[in-house]
Amino acid sequence: MPGQEGIETIVKLRHQRPGVAIIAMSGGATHSKFYLDIAAKLGAHRVLTKPFTPADLIKMIDDVLAEKGLPPEAPKP
């Protein structure tokens, strides 16, 4: 994300769109668990540590949508 870090993005999103669901993903950095813990404390609904599969991400998106009362993501052909 040019110009800002993920933590900054979460803070801005929480301020501008308090109800938006956030899934934070690690950048694979040495301290990624530390940053993901902070992301969760700042309001990320879920966190994903790299490496993860596309199926892991889709499952997480579906879980967050279900919590929001929305239908799951439709599978792509």
N, C-alpha and C. Protein backbone atom coordinates (compact mmCIF):
# COMPACT_ATOMS: atom_id res chain seq x y z
N MET A 1 0.85 -1.17 0.00
CA MET A 1 0.00 0.00 0.00
C MET A 1 0.89 1.23 0.00
N PRO A 2 1.02 1.82 -1.12
CA PRO A 2 1.90 2.98 -1.20
C PRO A 2 1.43 4.11 -0.27
N GLY A 3 2.37 4.65 0.46
CA GLY A 3 2.09 5.83 1.26
C GLY A 3 1.62 5.59 2.68
N GLN A 4 1.22 4.34 3.01
CA GLN A 4 0.83 4.07 4.39
C GLN A 4 0.90 2.59 4.67
N GLU A 5 1.01 2.29 5.94
CA GLU A 5 1.08 0.91 6.40
C GLU A 5 -0.32 0.37 6.67
N GLY A 6 -0.43 -0.93 6.83
CA GLY A 6 -1.72 -1.56 7.10
C GLY A 6 -2.38 -1.05 8.37
N ILE A 7 -1.58 -0.86 9.41
CA ILE A 7 -2.13 -0.37 10.68
C ILE A 7 -2.76 1.01 10.48
N GLU A 8 -2.08 1.87 9.74
CA GLU A 8 -2.63 3.20 9.45
C GLU A 8 -3.94 3.09 8.67
N THR A 9 -3.98 2.16 7.75
CA THR A 9 -5.19 1.95 6.95
C THR A 9 -6.35 1.52 7.83
N ILE A 10 -6.09 0.62 8.76
CA ILE A 10 -7.15 0.16 9.68
C ILE A 10 -7.68 1.32 10.51
N VAL A 11 -6.78 2.13 11.04
CA VAL A 11 -7.20 3.28 11.86
C VAL A 11 -8.07 4.21 11.03
N LYS A 12 -7.66 4.51 9.80
CA LYS A 12 -8.46 5.40 8.94
C LYS A 12 -9.81 4.78 8.60
N LEU A 13 -9.81 3.49 8.27
CA LEU A 13 -11.08 2.83 7.95
C LEU A 13 -12.03 2.86 9.15
N ARG A 14 -11.52 2.58 10.34
CA ARG A 14 -12.35 2.59 11.55
C ARG A 14 -12.95 3.97 11.76
N HIS A 15 -12.19 5.01 11.45
CA HIS A 15 -12.67 6.38 11.62
C HIS A 15 -13.69 6.76 10.54
N GLN A 16 -13.39 6.43 9.28
CA GLN A 16 -14.24 6.84 8.16
C GLN A 16 -15.44 5.91 7.94
N ARG A 17 -15.26 4.63 8.20
CA ARG A 17 -16.31 3.63 7.98
C ARG A 17 -16.33 2.65 9.14
N PRO A 18 -16.87 3.03 10.27
CA PRO A 18 -16.79 2.20 11.47
C PRO A 18 -17.37 0.78 11.31
N GLY A 19 -18.33 0.60 10.44
CA GLY A 19 -18.96 -0.71 10.32
C GLY A 19 -18.34 -1.64 9.30
N VAL A 20 -17.33 -1.18 8.57
CA VAL A 20 -16.75 -2.01 7.52
C VAL A 20 -15.98 -3.18 8.14
N ALA A 21 -16.10 -4.35 7.51
CA ALA A 21 -15.37 -5.52 7.97
C ALA A 21 -13.95 -5.47 7.41
N ILE A 22 -12.99 -5.78 8.27
CA ILE A 22 -11.59 -5.73 7.88
C ILE A 22 -10.95 -7.09 8.11
N ILE A 23 -10.27 -7.58 7.09
CA ILE A 23 -9.44 -8.77 7.22
C ILE A 23 -8.00 -8.31 7.00
N ALA A 24 -7.19 -8.41 8.05
CA ALA A 24 -5.79 -8.00 7.95
C ALA A 24 -4.94 -9.21 7.57
N MET A 25 -3.99 -8.98 6.67
CA MET A 25 -3.09 -10.04 6.23
C MET A 25 -1.66 -9.64 6.51
N SER A 26 -0.86 -10.61 6.93
CA SER A 26 0.54 -10.31 7.20
C SER A 26 1.28 -10.07 5.90
N GLY A 27 2.31 -9.30 6.00
CA GLY A 27 3.15 -9.06 4.84
C GLY A 27 4.31 -10.02 4.78
N GLY A 28 4.30 -11.00 5.66
CA GLY A 28 5.38 -11.96 5.68
C GLY A 28 6.62 -11.44 6.39
N ALA A 29 6.51 -10.32 7.05
CA ALA A 29 7.65 -9.71 7.74
C ALA A 29 8.00 -10.48 9.01
N THR A 30 9.16 -10.21 9.53
CA THR A 30 9.64 -10.88 10.74
C THR A 30 8.69 -10.68 11.91
N HIS A 31 8.11 -9.52 12.04
CA HIS A 31 7.25 -9.21 13.18
C HIS A 31 5.77 -9.24 12.81
N SER A 32 5.40 -10.08 11.86
CA SER A 32 4.02 -10.06 11.36
C SER A 32 3.00 -10.40 12.45
N LYS A 33 3.30 -11.33 13.36
CA LYS A 33 2.35 -11.67 14.42
C LYS A 33 2.08 -10.44 15.30
N PHE A 34 3.11 -9.70 15.60
CA PHE A 34 2.97 -8.48 16.40
C PHE A 34 2.01 -7.51 15.72
N TYR A 35 2.20 -7.29 14.41
CA TYR A 35 1.35 -6.35 13.68
C TYR A 35 -0.08 -6.88 13.55
N LEU A 36 -0.23 -8.18 13.37
CA LEU A 36 -1.58 -8.74 13.28
C LEU A 36 -2.30 -8.65 14.62
N ASP A 37 -1.58 -8.81 15.72
CA ASP A 37 -2.19 -8.62 17.04
C ASP A 37 -2.68 -7.18 17.21
N ILE A 38 -1.87 -6.22 16.77
CA ILE A 38 -2.28 -4.81 16.83
C ILE A 38 -3.49 -4.58 15.93
N ALA A 39 -3.47 -5.16 14.73
CA ALA A 39 -4.59 -5.02 13.79
C ALA A 39 -5.88 -5.50 14.43
N ALA A 40 -5.82 -6.64 15.11
CA ALA A 40 -7.02 -7.18 15.77
C ALA A 40 -7.49 -6.24 16.88
N LYS A 41 -6.57 -5.69 17.65
CA LYS A 41 -6.93 -4.77 18.73
C LYS A 41 -7.53 -3.47 18.19
N LEU A 42 -7.13 -3.10 16.96
CA LEU A 42 -7.65 -1.87 16.35
C LEU A 42 -8.97 -2.10 15.61
N GLY A 43 -9.42 -3.35 15.55
CA GLY A 43 -10.73 -3.59 14.97
C GLY A 43 -10.79 -4.47 13.75
N ALA A 44 -9.69 -5.10 13.36
CA ALA A 44 -9.77 -6.07 12.26
C ALA A 44 -10.62 -7.25 12.73
N HIS A 45 -11.57 -7.65 11.90
CA HIS A 45 -12.45 -8.76 12.27
C HIS A 45 -11.72 -10.09 12.27
N ARG A 46 -10.78 -10.23 11.37
CA ARG A 46 -10.00 -11.45 11.24
C ARG A 46 -8.58 -11.08 10.80
N VAL A 47 -7.66 -11.98 11.08
CA VAL A 47 -6.29 -11.81 10.60
C VAL A 47 -5.83 -13.10 9.93
N LEU A 48 -5.04 -12.94 8.89
CA LEU A 48 -4.49 -14.07 8.14
C LEU A 48 -2.98 -13.95 8.09
N THR A 49 -2.31 -15.01 8.42
CA THR A 49 -0.86 -15.03 8.36
C THR A 49 -0.41 -15.73 7.09
N LYS A 50 0.54 -15.13 6.39
CA LYS A 50 1.08 -15.77 5.19
C LYS A 50 2.00 -16.90 5.61
N PRO A 51 2.05 -17.96 4.85
CA PRO A 51 1.30 -18.18 3.61
C PRO A 51 -0.11 -18.70 3.90
N PHE A 52 -1.05 -18.34 3.04
CA PHE A 52 -2.40 -18.87 3.12
C PHE A 52 -2.86 -19.17 1.70
N THR A 53 -3.88 -20.01 1.59
CA THR A 53 -4.37 -20.39 0.28
C THR A 53 -5.55 -19.51 -0.11
N PRO A 54 -5.88 -19.47 -1.39
CA PRO A 54 -7.08 -18.75 -1.80
C PRO A 54 -8.32 -19.29 -1.07
N ALA A 55 -8.37 -20.60 -0.85
CA ALA A 55 -9.51 -21.19 -0.14
C ALA A 55 -9.59 -20.67 1.29
N ASP A 56 -8.44 -20.48 1.95
CA ASP A 56 -8.42 -19.91 3.31
C ASP A 56 -9.04 -18.51 3.31
N LEU A 57 -8.66 -17.70 2.34
CA LEU A 57 -9.17 -16.34 2.24
C LEU A 57 -10.67 -16.33 1.96
N ILE A 58 -11.11 -17.16 1.03
CA ILE A 58 -12.54 -17.22 0.69
C ILE A 58 -13.35 -17.65 1.90
N LYS A 59 -12.86 -18.65 2.64
CA LYS A 59 -13.56 -19.12 3.85
C LYS A 59 -13.67 -17.99 4.86
N MET A 60 -12.60 -17.24 5.02
CA MET A 60 -12.62 -16.14 5.98
C MET A 60 -13.59 -15.05 5.55
N ILE A 61 -13.61 -14.74 4.27
CA ILE A 61 -14.56 -13.75 3.75
C ILE A 61 -15.98 -14.22 3.99
N ASP A 62 -16.25 -15.48 3.69
CA ASP A 62 -17.59 -16.03 3.92
C ASP A 62 -17.98 -15.96 5.40
N ASP A 63 -17.04 -16.25 6.30
CA ASP A 63 -17.32 -16.18 7.74
C ASP A 63 -17.67 -14.75 8.16
N VAL A 64 -16.92 -13.79 7.67
CA VAL A 64 -17.19 -12.39 8.03
C VAL A 64 -18.53 -11.94 7.45
N LEU A 65 -18.82 -12.33 6.21
CA LEU A 65 -20.11 -11.99 5.61
C LEU A 65 -21.26 -12.59 6.42
N ALA A 66 -21.10 -13.84 6.85
CA ALA A 66 -22.13 -14.50 7.65
C ALA A 66 -22.37 -13.75 8.96
N GLU A 67 -21.30 -13.30 9.59
CA GLU A 67 -21.44 -12.52 10.82
C GLU A 67 -22.21 -11.23 10.58
N LYS A 68 -22.04 -10.66 9.39
CA LYS A 68 -22.73 -9.42 9.03
C LYS A 68 -24.14 -9.69 8.51
N GLY A 69 -24.53 -10.98 8.42
CA GLY A 69 -25.86 -11.31 7.93
C GLY A 69 -25.98 -11.24 6.42
N LEU A 70 -24.86 -11.36 5.72
CA LEU A 70 -24.85 -11.27 4.25
C LEU A 70 -24.60 -12.65 3.67
N PRO A 71 -25.04 -12.89 2.43
CA PRO A 71 -24.81 -14.20 1.82
C PRO A 71 -23.33 -14.42 1.52
N PRO A 72 -22.91 -15.69 1.50
CA PRO A 72 -21.50 -15.97 1.19
C PRO A 72 -21.16 -15.60 -0.24
N GLU A 73 -19.88 -15.43 -0.48
CA GLU A 73 -19.37 -15.14 -1.81
C GLU A 73 -19.70 -16.31 -2.74
N ALA A 74 -20.26 -16.02 -3.89
CA ALA A 74 -20.59 -17.07 -4.85
C ALA A 74 -19.33 -17.61 -5.49
N PRO A 75 -19.24 -18.94 -5.65
CA PRO A 75 -18.05 -19.50 -6.33
C PRO A 75 -17.95 -18.99 -7.76
N LYS A 76 -16.74 -18.77 -8.20
CA LYS A 76 -16.51 -18.30 -9.56
C LYS A 76 -16.35 -19.51 -10.48
N PRO A 77 -16.96 -19.46 -11.68
CA PRO A 77 -16.82 -20.61 -12.61
C PRO A 77 -15.41 -20.78 -13.12
